[in-house]
């Protein structure tokens, strides 16, 4: 940690920087997030909302990481936005040697040598997980989607007797 401003000092915030991890420049780590192993947050990067950077992952420049996991050699650079889907509890995971400059949101795994460019926006708000590995795109279907559940039974409506008109 280069400066006190790199790690939240708020009461109740359990953000932490472990081992050889580094927070430098104006980077900020807060709201129960952590850096560990040899992970780096530098420049004006902001790591927040239970995000985890591990391995040699790096958040740099003005990257904004919210509720995400970056591991291995993954990088979020430039004005990258790596965002969880707040209302669905789904989060992005970056791994391998991938690099994100654009936006990745929701249940998305970016891995291998995949690159998300500046203007690209990869958003997944479905229950499935989208996987981008640098060579292909695939979906891991959520098994719960294949379970058939009985629908709510409609309310029974009283039928008027056939052939009889209602009096007015």
N, C-alpha and C. Protein backbone atom coordinates (compact mmCIF):
# COMPACT_ATOMS: atom_id res chain seq x y z
N UNK A 1 0.85 -1.16 0.00
CA UNK A 1 0.00 0.00 0.00
C UNK A 1 0.90 1.22 0.00
N UNK A 2 0.66 2.08 -0.98
CA UNK A 2 1.51 3.26 -1.11
C UNK A 2 1.07 4.40 -0.18
N UNK A 3 -0.25 4.55 -0.05
CA UNK A 3 -0.77 5.64 0.79
C UNK A 3 -2.01 5.18 1.54
N UNK A 4 -2.34 5.89 2.59
CA UNK A 4 -3.51 5.54 3.38
C UNK A 4 -4.79 5.57 2.55
N UNK A 5 -4.84 6.43 1.53
CA UNK A 5 -6.05 6.55 0.70
C UNK A 5 -6.26 5.32 -0.20
N UNK A 6 -5.28 4.43 -0.31
CA UNK A 6 -5.42 3.26 -1.16
C UNK A 6 -6.34 2.20 -0.57
N UNK A 7 -6.54 2.21 0.74
CA UNK A 7 -7.35 1.19 1.40
C UNK A 7 -8.35 1.87 2.33
N UNK A 8 -9.61 1.46 2.23
CA UNK A 8 -10.66 2.06 3.05
C UNK A 8 -10.32 1.98 4.53
N UNK A 9 -10.59 3.06 5.22
CA UNK A 9 -10.38 3.12 6.66
C UNK A 9 -11.72 3.20 7.39
N UNK A 10 -12.82 3.02 6.65
CA UNK A 10 -14.14 3.14 7.26
C UNK A 10 -14.42 2.00 8.23
N UNK A 11 -15.10 2.32 9.30
CA UNK A 11 -15.46 1.32 10.30
C UNK A 11 -16.40 0.30 9.67
N UNK A 12 -16.13 -0.98 9.91
CA UNK A 12 -16.97 -2.05 9.38
C UNK A 12 -16.58 -2.53 7.99
N UNK A 13 -15.71 -1.80 7.31
CA UNK A 13 -15.25 -2.22 5.98
C UNK A 13 -14.07 -3.17 6.18
N UNK A 14 -14.19 -4.39 5.69
CA UNK A 14 -13.13 -5.38 5.89
C UNK A 14 -12.26 -5.55 4.64
N UNK A 15 -12.12 -4.50 3.85
CA UNK A 15 -11.22 -4.56 2.70
C UNK A 15 -9.81 -4.83 3.19
N UNK A 16 -9.02 -5.54 2.34
CA UNK A 16 -7.69 -5.90 2.79
C UNK A 16 -6.76 -6.06 1.61
N UNK A 17 -5.49 -5.87 1.88
CA UNK A 17 -4.42 -6.10 0.90
C UNK A 17 -3.48 -7.11 1.53
N UNK A 18 -3.40 -8.31 0.94
CA UNK A 18 -2.64 -9.42 1.49
C UNK A 18 -1.33 -9.63 0.75
N UNK A 19 -0.39 -10.27 1.43
CA UNK A 19 0.84 -10.76 0.82
C UNK A 19 1.58 -9.72 0.01
N UNK A 20 1.91 -10.06 -1.24
CA UNK A 20 2.68 -9.18 -2.10
C UNK A 20 1.82 -8.28 -2.97
N UNK A 21 0.52 -8.21 -2.71
CA UNK A 21 -0.36 -7.35 -3.50
C UNK A 21 0.01 -5.88 -3.29
N UNK A 22 -0.31 -5.07 -4.28
CA UNK A 22 0.07 -3.65 -4.24
C UNK A 22 -1.11 -2.78 -4.63
N UNK A 23 -1.33 -1.73 -3.87
CA UNK A 23 -2.24 -0.65 -4.25
C UNK A 23 -1.38 0.61 -4.29
N UNK A 24 -1.36 1.28 -5.45
CA UNK A 24 -0.45 2.41 -5.61
C UNK A 24 -1.12 3.54 -6.37
N UNK A 25 -0.46 4.69 -6.40
CA UNK A 25 -1.01 5.86 -7.07
C UNK A 25 -2.25 6.31 -6.33
N UNK A 26 -3.30 6.61 -7.09
CA UNK A 26 -4.57 7.03 -6.48
C UNK A 26 -5.58 5.89 -6.45
N UNK A 27 -5.12 4.67 -6.66
CA UNK A 27 -6.03 3.51 -6.65
C UNK A 27 -6.71 3.40 -5.29
N UNK A 28 -7.94 2.88 -5.33
CA UNK A 28 -8.70 2.76 -4.09
C UNK A 28 -9.32 1.37 -4.00
N UNK A 29 -9.24 0.76 -2.82
CA UNK A 29 -9.81 -0.55 -2.53
C UNK A 29 -10.74 -0.36 -1.34
N UNK A 30 -12.05 -0.68 -1.54
CA UNK A 30 -12.98 -0.48 -0.45
C UNK A 30 -14.16 -1.43 -0.52
N UNK A 31 -15.08 -1.30 0.41
CA UNK A 31 -16.33 -2.06 0.52
C UNK A 31 -16.11 -3.57 0.43
N UNK A 32 -15.30 -4.09 1.34
CA UNK A 32 -15.06 -5.52 1.52
C UNK A 32 -14.33 -6.18 0.36
N UNK A 33 -13.55 -5.43 -0.38
CA UNK A 33 -12.77 -5.97 -1.50
C UNK A 33 -11.38 -6.36 -1.01
N UNK A 34 -10.68 -7.19 -1.80
CA UNK A 34 -9.33 -7.54 -1.39
C UNK A 34 -8.41 -7.75 -2.59
N UNK A 35 -7.15 -7.46 -2.33
CA UNK A 35 -6.06 -7.75 -3.27
C UNK A 35 -5.20 -8.78 -2.56
N UNK A 36 -4.76 -9.80 -3.29
CA UNK A 36 -3.89 -10.79 -2.65
C UNK A 36 -2.89 -11.33 -3.66
N UNK A 37 -1.99 -12.15 -3.16
CA UNK A 37 -0.89 -12.69 -3.96
C UNK A 37 -0.09 -11.53 -4.54
N UNK A 38 0.06 -11.45 -5.85
CA UNK A 38 0.81 -10.36 -6.47
C UNK A 38 -0.08 -9.41 -7.25
N UNK A 39 -1.36 -9.33 -6.90
CA UNK A 39 -2.30 -8.46 -7.61
C UNK A 39 -1.93 -7.00 -7.43
N UNK A 40 -2.32 -6.17 -8.42
CA UNK A 40 -1.98 -4.75 -8.40
C UNK A 40 -3.21 -3.91 -8.76
N UNK A 41 -3.45 -2.88 -7.98
CA UNK A 41 -4.40 -1.83 -8.33
C UNK A 41 -3.58 -0.55 -8.35
N UNK A 42 -3.55 0.15 -9.49
CA UNK A 42 -2.70 1.33 -9.58
C UNK A 42 -3.37 2.43 -10.40
N UNK A 43 -2.69 3.55 -10.48
CA UNK A 43 -3.18 4.75 -11.14
C UNK A 43 -4.46 5.21 -10.44
N UNK A 44 -5.58 5.33 -11.16
CA UNK A 44 -6.84 5.75 -10.53
C UNK A 44 -7.84 4.60 -10.47
N UNK A 45 -7.39 3.38 -10.52
CA UNK A 45 -8.29 2.22 -10.48
C UNK A 45 -9.10 2.22 -9.20
N UNK A 46 -10.34 1.74 -9.31
CA UNK A 46 -11.23 1.68 -8.15
C UNK A 46 -11.76 0.26 -8.04
N UNK A 47 -11.46 -0.41 -6.94
CA UNK A 47 -11.84 -1.80 -6.68
C UNK A 47 -12.82 -1.76 -5.51
N UNK A 48 -14.07 -2.20 -5.76
CA UNK A 48 -15.11 -2.00 -4.76
C UNK A 48 -16.14 -3.13 -4.74
N UNK A 49 -17.01 -3.13 -3.75
CA UNK A 49 -18.16 -4.03 -3.64
C UNK A 49 -17.79 -5.51 -3.68
N UNK A 50 -16.93 -5.92 -2.79
CA UNK A 50 -16.53 -7.33 -2.62
C UNK A 50 -15.76 -7.90 -3.81
N UNK A 51 -15.05 -7.08 -4.52
CA UNK A 51 -14.21 -7.56 -5.62
C UNK A 51 -12.97 -8.23 -5.06
N UNK A 52 -12.42 -9.17 -5.84
CA UNK A 52 -11.19 -9.85 -5.45
C UNK A 52 -10.23 -9.86 -6.63
N UNK A 53 -9.02 -9.40 -6.41
CA UNK A 53 -7.94 -9.51 -7.39
C UNK A 53 -6.90 -10.43 -6.79
N UNK A 54 -6.49 -11.45 -7.55
CA UNK A 54 -5.49 -12.39 -7.04
C UNK A 54 -4.54 -12.79 -8.16
N UNK A 55 -3.55 -13.60 -7.81
CA UNK A 55 -2.53 -13.97 -8.79
C UNK A 55 -1.75 -12.72 -9.16
N UNK A 56 -1.63 -12.48 -10.46
CA UNK A 56 -0.96 -11.27 -10.95
C UNK A 56 -1.95 -10.38 -11.69
N UNK A 57 -3.21 -10.45 -11.28
CA UNK A 57 -4.25 -9.62 -11.89
C UNK A 57 -3.93 -8.16 -11.65
N UNK A 58 -4.44 -7.31 -12.55
CA UNK A 58 -4.10 -5.90 -12.47
C UNK A 58 -5.29 -5.04 -12.88
N UNK A 59 -5.61 -4.05 -12.04
CA UNK A 59 -6.57 -3.00 -12.37
C UNK A 59 -5.76 -1.72 -12.46
N UNK A 60 -5.80 -1.08 -13.63
CA UNK A 60 -4.93 0.08 -13.83
C UNK A 60 -5.67 1.20 -14.56
N UNK A 61 -5.00 2.30 -14.72
CA UNK A 61 -5.56 3.49 -15.36
C UNK A 61 -6.80 3.92 -14.58
N UNK A 62 -7.95 4.04 -15.25
CA UNK A 62 -9.19 4.46 -14.57
C UNK A 62 -10.19 3.32 -14.52
N UNK A 63 -9.71 2.09 -14.43
CA UNK A 63 -10.61 0.92 -14.40
C UNK A 63 -11.48 0.95 -13.15
N UNK A 64 -12.73 0.53 -13.32
CA UNK A 64 -13.69 0.47 -12.22
C UNK A 64 -14.14 -0.98 -12.09
N UNK A 65 -13.82 -1.60 -10.96
CA UNK A 65 -14.12 -3.01 -10.71
C UNK A 65 -15.13 -3.07 -9.57
N UNK A 66 -16.34 -3.58 -9.87
CA UNK A 66 -17.39 -3.65 -8.84
C UNK A 66 -17.93 -5.08 -8.76
N UNK A 67 -17.71 -5.73 -7.63
CA UNK A 67 -18.27 -7.05 -7.40
C UNK A 67 -17.76 -8.11 -8.36
N UNK A 68 -16.51 -8.04 -8.75
CA UNK A 68 -15.94 -8.94 -9.75
C UNK A 68 -14.74 -9.70 -9.21
N UNK A 69 -14.32 -10.72 -9.96
CA UNK A 69 -13.13 -11.49 -9.62
C UNK A 69 -12.16 -11.39 -10.80
N UNK A 70 -10.93 -10.98 -10.51
CA UNK A 70 -9.86 -10.97 -11.50
C UNK A 70 -8.76 -11.85 -10.94
N UNK A 71 -8.29 -12.81 -11.73
CA UNK A 71 -7.25 -13.71 -11.25
C UNK A 71 -6.26 -14.02 -12.36
N UNK A 72 -5.22 -14.75 -11.99
CA UNK A 72 -4.13 -15.11 -12.89
C UNK A 72 -3.50 -13.84 -13.45
N UNK A 73 -3.45 -13.67 -14.77
CA UNK A 73 -2.79 -12.51 -15.37
C UNK A 73 -3.79 -11.51 -15.96
N UNK A 74 -5.05 -11.59 -15.55
CA UNK A 74 -6.10 -10.73 -16.11
C UNK A 74 -5.83 -9.26 -15.85
N UNK A 75 -6.25 -8.43 -16.82
CA UNK A 75 -6.06 -6.98 -16.68
C UNK A 75 -7.34 -6.24 -17.02
N UNK A 76 -7.61 -5.20 -16.26
CA UNK A 76 -8.65 -4.23 -16.58
C UNK A 76 -7.91 -2.91 -16.74
N UNK A 77 -7.97 -2.34 -17.95
CA UNK A 77 -7.16 -1.16 -18.26
C UNK A 77 -8.00 -0.05 -18.88
N UNK A 78 -7.38 1.12 -19.02
CA UNK A 78 -8.09 2.24 -19.62
C UNK A 78 -9.28 2.62 -18.76
N UNK A 79 -10.42 2.76 -19.42
CA UNK A 79 -11.67 3.10 -18.71
C UNK A 79 -12.55 1.88 -18.55
N UNK A 80 -11.96 0.73 -18.34
CA UNK A 80 -12.70 -0.53 -18.21
C UNK A 80 -13.74 -0.44 -17.10
N UNK A 81 -14.89 -1.06 -17.37
CA UNK A 81 -15.93 -1.23 -16.35
C UNK A 81 -16.17 -2.73 -16.23
N UNK A 82 -15.92 -3.28 -15.07
CA UNK A 82 -16.15 -4.71 -14.80
C UNK A 82 -17.13 -4.75 -13.64
N UNK A 83 -18.40 -5.09 -13.95
CA UNK A 83 -19.50 -4.85 -13.02
C UNK A 83 -20.33 -6.08 -12.73
N UNK A 84 -20.70 -6.25 -11.48
CA UNK A 84 -21.65 -7.30 -11.13
C UNK A 84 -23.04 -6.87 -11.56
N UNK A 85 -23.95 -7.83 -11.63
CA UNK A 85 -25.35 -7.53 -11.88
C UNK A 85 -26.00 -7.43 -10.52
N UNK A 86 -26.10 -6.26 -9.99
CA UNK A 86 -26.54 -6.05 -8.61
C UNK A 86 -27.84 -6.75 -8.27
N UNK A 87 -28.79 -6.70 -9.16
CA UNK A 87 -30.10 -7.25 -8.84
C UNK A 87 -30.17 -8.76 -9.03
N UNK A 88 -29.17 -9.38 -9.62
CA UNK A 88 -29.22 -10.81 -9.90
C UNK A 88 -28.16 -11.61 -9.15
N UNK A 89 -27.22 -10.95 -8.51
CA UNK A 89 -26.18 -11.66 -7.77
C UNK A 89 -25.17 -12.35 -8.68
N UNK A 90 -25.10 -11.96 -9.93
CA UNK A 90 -24.15 -12.54 -10.88
C UNK A 90 -22.96 -11.61 -11.03
N UNK A 91 -21.77 -12.19 -11.16
CA UNK A 91 -20.58 -11.36 -11.23
C UNK A 91 -19.65 -11.82 -12.36
N UNK A 92 -18.88 -10.90 -12.91
CA UNK A 92 -17.91 -11.27 -13.94
C UNK A 92 -16.64 -11.86 -13.33
N UNK A 93 -16.01 -12.73 -14.11
CA UNK A 93 -14.73 -13.30 -13.70
C UNK A 93 -13.77 -13.16 -14.88
N UNK A 94 -12.62 -12.56 -14.62
CA UNK A 94 -11.58 -12.40 -15.62
C UNK A 94 -10.41 -13.28 -15.20
N UNK A 95 -9.89 -14.09 -16.13
CA UNK A 95 -8.78 -14.98 -15.80
C UNK A 95 -7.89 -15.18 -17.02
N UNK A 96 -6.86 -15.98 -16.86
CA UNK A 96 -5.92 -16.21 -17.96
C UNK A 96 -5.13 -14.95 -18.24
N UNK A 97 -4.93 -14.67 -19.53
CA UNK A 97 -4.18 -13.48 -19.95
C UNK A 97 -5.10 -12.47 -20.62
N UNK A 98 -6.36 -12.45 -20.23
CA UNK A 98 -7.33 -11.57 -20.88
C UNK A 98 -7.09 -10.11 -20.49
N UNK A 99 -7.61 -9.22 -21.35
CA UNK A 99 -7.52 -7.79 -21.09
C UNK A 99 -8.87 -7.16 -21.41
N UNK A 100 -9.35 -6.33 -20.52
CA UNK A 100 -10.61 -5.63 -20.73
C UNK A 100 -10.34 -4.13 -20.72
N UNK A 101 -10.76 -3.48 -21.83
CA UNK A 101 -10.73 -2.02 -21.93
C UNK A 101 -12.15 -1.46 -21.93
N UNK A 102 -13.11 -2.30 -22.30
CA UNK A 102 -14.51 -1.89 -22.43
C UNK A 102 -15.31 -2.24 -21.19
N UNK A 103 -16.55 -2.72 -21.42
CA UNK A 103 -17.47 -3.03 -20.33
C UNK A 103 -17.81 -4.51 -20.30
N UNK A 104 -17.71 -5.11 -19.14
CA UNK A 104 -18.13 -6.50 -18.92
C UNK A 104 -19.03 -6.46 -17.70
N UNK A 105 -20.26 -6.99 -17.86
CA UNK A 105 -21.21 -6.91 -16.75
C UNK A 105 -22.03 -8.18 -16.62
N UNK A 106 -22.28 -8.60 -15.39
CA UNK A 106 -23.12 -9.77 -15.13
C UNK A 106 -22.33 -11.06 -15.18
N UNK A 107 -23.05 -12.15 -15.46
CA UNK A 107 -22.45 -13.49 -15.45
C UNK A 107 -21.65 -13.72 -16.74
N UNK A 108 -20.46 -13.17 -16.77
CA UNK A 108 -19.56 -13.26 -17.93
C UNK A 108 -18.20 -13.71 -17.43
N UNK A 109 -17.63 -14.71 -18.09
CA UNK A 109 -16.26 -15.12 -17.81
C UNK A 109 -15.42 -14.79 -19.03
N UNK A 110 -14.40 -13.95 -18.83
CA UNK A 110 -13.47 -13.60 -19.88
C UNK A 110 -12.17 -14.29 -19.51
N UNK A 111 -11.66 -15.12 -20.41
CA UNK A 111 -10.51 -15.95 -20.06
C UNK A 111 -9.57 -16.09 -21.25
N UNK A 112 -8.52 -16.88 -21.07
CA UNK A 112 -7.58 -17.10 -22.17
C UNK A 112 -6.93 -15.80 -22.60
N UNK A 113 -6.91 -15.57 -23.91
CA UNK A 113 -6.30 -14.35 -24.45
C UNK A 113 -7.35 -13.38 -24.96
N UNK A 114 -8.57 -13.49 -24.48
CA UNK A 114 -9.66 -12.62 -24.93
C UNK A 114 -9.33 -11.15 -24.65
N UNK A 115 -9.77 -10.29 -25.56
CA UNK A 115 -9.60 -8.85 -25.40
C UNK A 115 -10.97 -8.20 -25.64
N UNK A 116 -11.39 -7.39 -24.71
CA UNK A 116 -12.61 -6.59 -24.85
C UNK A 116 -12.14 -5.17 -25.10
N UNK A 117 -12.43 -4.65 -26.29
CA UNK A 117 -11.94 -3.33 -26.69
C UNK A 117 -12.75 -2.19 -26.08
N UNK A 118 -12.25 -0.96 -26.26
CA UNK A 118 -12.78 0.24 -25.62
C UNK A 118 -14.29 0.41 -25.77
N UNK A 119 -14.81 0.28 -26.95
CA UNK A 119 -16.24 0.53 -27.19
C UNK A 119 -17.11 -0.72 -27.01
N UNK A 120 -16.49 -1.87 -26.75
CA UNK A 120 -17.27 -3.10 -26.61
C UNK A 120 -17.96 -3.16 -25.26
N UNK A 121 -19.21 -3.66 -25.29
CA UNK A 121 -19.98 -3.84 -24.06
C UNK A 121 -20.52 -5.26 -24.07
N UNK A 122 -20.05 -6.07 -23.14
CA UNK A 122 -20.52 -7.44 -23.00
C UNK A 122 -21.33 -7.48 -21.71
N UNK A 123 -22.65 -7.57 -21.86
CA UNK A 123 -23.55 -7.57 -20.70
C UNK A 123 -24.39 -8.84 -20.74
N UNK A 124 -24.48 -9.52 -19.63
CA UNK A 124 -25.31 -10.72 -19.55
C UNK A 124 -26.19 -10.61 -18.32
N UNK A 125 -27.48 -10.47 -18.56
CA UNK A 125 -28.42 -10.38 -17.45
C UNK A 125 -29.26 -11.65 -17.33
N UNK A 126 -28.88 -12.71 -18.06
CA UNK A 126 -29.62 -13.97 -17.99
C UNK A 126 -29.09 -14.83 -16.84
N UNK A 127 -29.77 -15.91 -16.50
CA UNK A 127 -29.26 -16.81 -15.45
C UNK A 127 -28.08 -17.66 -15.94
N UNK A 128 -27.81 -17.67 -17.25
CA UNK A 128 -26.72 -18.45 -17.82
C UNK A 128 -25.41 -17.68 -17.71
N UNK A 129 -24.28 -18.37 -17.94
CA UNK A 129 -22.97 -17.72 -17.91
C UNK A 129 -22.40 -17.69 -19.33
N UNK A 130 -21.99 -16.51 -19.76
CA UNK A 130 -21.37 -16.32 -21.08
C UNK A 130 -19.86 -16.45 -20.90
N UNK A 131 -19.22 -17.27 -21.75
CA UNK A 131 -17.77 -17.46 -21.65
C UNK A 131 -17.11 -17.01 -22.94
N UNK A 132 -16.13 -16.11 -22.80
CA UNK A 132 -15.34 -15.62 -23.94
C UNK A 132 -13.90 -16.02 -23.67
N UNK A 133 -13.32 -16.80 -24.57
CA UNK A 133 -11.96 -17.28 -24.29
C UNK A 133 -10.91 -16.79 -25.29
N UNK A 134 -11.27 -15.84 -26.13
CA UNK A 134 -10.31 -15.33 -27.10
C UNK A 134 -10.43 -16.02 -28.45
N UNK A 135 -11.03 -17.20 -28.48
CA UNK A 135 -11.20 -17.92 -29.73
C UNK A 135 -12.67 -18.21 -30.02
N UNK A 136 -13.47 -18.26 -28.97
CA UNK A 136 -14.88 -18.58 -29.17
C UNK A 136 -15.71 -17.98 -28.05
N UNK A 137 -17.02 -18.06 -28.27
CA UNK A 137 -17.98 -17.66 -27.25
C UNK A 137 -18.88 -18.84 -26.98
N UNK A 138 -19.18 -19.08 -25.72
CA UNK A 138 -20.07 -20.19 -25.39
C UNK A 138 -20.92 -19.81 -24.19
N UNK A 139 -21.93 -20.63 -23.95
CA UNK A 139 -22.86 -20.42 -22.85
C UNK A 139 -22.85 -21.65 -21.95
N UNK A 140 -22.79 -21.44 -20.66
CA UNK A 140 -23.01 -22.51 -19.70
C UNK A 140 -24.41 -22.26 -19.16
N UNK A 141 -25.29 -23.13 -19.55
CA UNK A 141 -26.70 -22.96 -19.19
C UNK A 141 -26.91 -23.28 -17.71
N UNK A 142 -27.67 -22.45 -17.04
CA UNK A 142 -28.00 -22.66 -15.64
C UNK A 142 -28.95 -23.85 -15.56
N UNK A 143 -28.58 -24.93 -14.85
CA UNK A 143 -29.42 -26.14 -14.79
C UNK A 143 -30.83 -25.88 -14.26
N UNK A 144 -30.98 -24.89 -13.43
CA UNK A 144 -32.31 -24.58 -12.88
C UNK A 144 -33.29 -24.19 -13.98
N UNK A 145 -32.77 -23.73 -15.10
CA UNK A 145 -33.65 -23.32 -16.20
C UNK A 145 -34.34 -24.51 -16.85
N UNK A 146 -33.78 -25.71 -16.69
CA UNK A 146 -34.36 -26.90 -17.31
C UNK A 146 -35.37 -27.61 -16.42
N UNK A 147 -35.53 -27.14 -15.20
CA UNK A 147 -36.50 -27.75 -14.30
C UNK A 147 -37.88 -27.18 -14.59
N UNK A 148 -38.81 -28.07 -14.83
CA UNK A 148 -40.17 -27.62 -15.07
C UNK A 148 -40.90 -27.55 -13.74
N UNK A 149 -41.56 -26.45 -13.55
CA UNK A 149 -42.30 -26.25 -12.31
C UNK A 149 -43.75 -26.00 -12.68
N UNK A 150 -44.66 -26.51 -11.87
CA UNK A 150 -46.06 -26.25 -12.19
C UNK A 150 -46.35 -24.76 -12.11
N UNK A 151 -47.16 -24.33 -13.04
CA UNK A 151 -47.52 -22.91 -13.01
C UNK A 151 -48.60 -22.70 -11.96
N UNK A 152 -48.76 -21.48 -11.60
CA UNK A 152 -49.82 -21.17 -10.64
C UNK A 152 -51.15 -21.47 -11.30
N UNK A 153 -52.01 -22.16 -10.59
CA UNK A 153 -53.29 -22.49 -11.19
C UNK A 153 -54.16 -21.23 -11.24
N UNK A 154 -54.79 -21.01 -12.38
CA UNK A 154 -55.61 -19.81 -12.50
C UNK A 154 -56.83 -19.91 -11.58
N UNK A 155 -57.29 -18.78 -11.15
CA UNK A 155 -58.47 -18.76 -10.30
C UNK A 155 -59.66 -19.28 -11.10
N UNK A 156 -60.45 -20.08 -10.46
CA UNK A 156 -61.64 -20.61 -11.13
C UNK A 156 -62.68 -19.51 -11.22
N UNK A 157 -63.22 -19.38 -12.41
CA UNK A 157 -64.26 -18.38 -12.61
C UNK A 157 -65.61 -19.08 -12.66
N UNK A 158 -66.54 -18.47 -12.04
CA UNK A 158 -67.88 -19.03 -12.07
C UNK A 158 -68.45 -18.80 -13.45
N UNK A 159 -68.96 -19.86 -14.04
CA UNK A 159 -69.55 -19.76 -15.36
C UNK A 159 -71.04 -19.50 -15.24
N UNK A 160 -71.53 -18.69 -16.13
CA UNK A 160 -72.97 -18.45 -16.19
C UNK A 160 -73.61 -19.68 -16.84
N UNK A 161 -74.77 -20.10 -16.36
CA UNK A 161 -75.42 -21.27 -16.96
C UNK A 161 -75.70 -21.01 -18.43
N UNK A 162 -75.46 -22.03 -19.23
CA UNK A 162 -75.65 -21.91 -20.67
C UNK A 162 -77.12 -21.71 -20.99
N UNK A 163 -77.37 -20.88 -21.97
CA UNK A 163 -78.72 -20.66 -22.46
C UNK A 163 -79.54 -19.74 -21.60
N UNK A 164 -79.04 -19.26 -20.52
CA UNK A 164 -79.81 -18.37 -19.67
C UNK A 164 -79.14 -16.99 -19.72
N UNK A 165 -79.92 -16.00 -19.90
CA UNK A 165 -79.40 -14.64 -19.95
C UNK A 165 -79.49 -14.03 -18.56
N UNK A 166 -78.64 -13.12 -18.33
CA UNK A 166 -78.68 -12.41 -17.06
C UNK A 166 -79.76 -11.34 -17.11
N UNK A 167 -80.47 -11.14 -16.05
CA UNK A 167 -81.48 -10.11 -16.00
C UNK A 167 -80.84 -8.79 -15.65
N UNK A 168 -81.42 -7.76 -16.22
CA UNK A 168 -80.90 -6.42 -15.95
C UNK A 168 -81.82 -5.64 -15.09
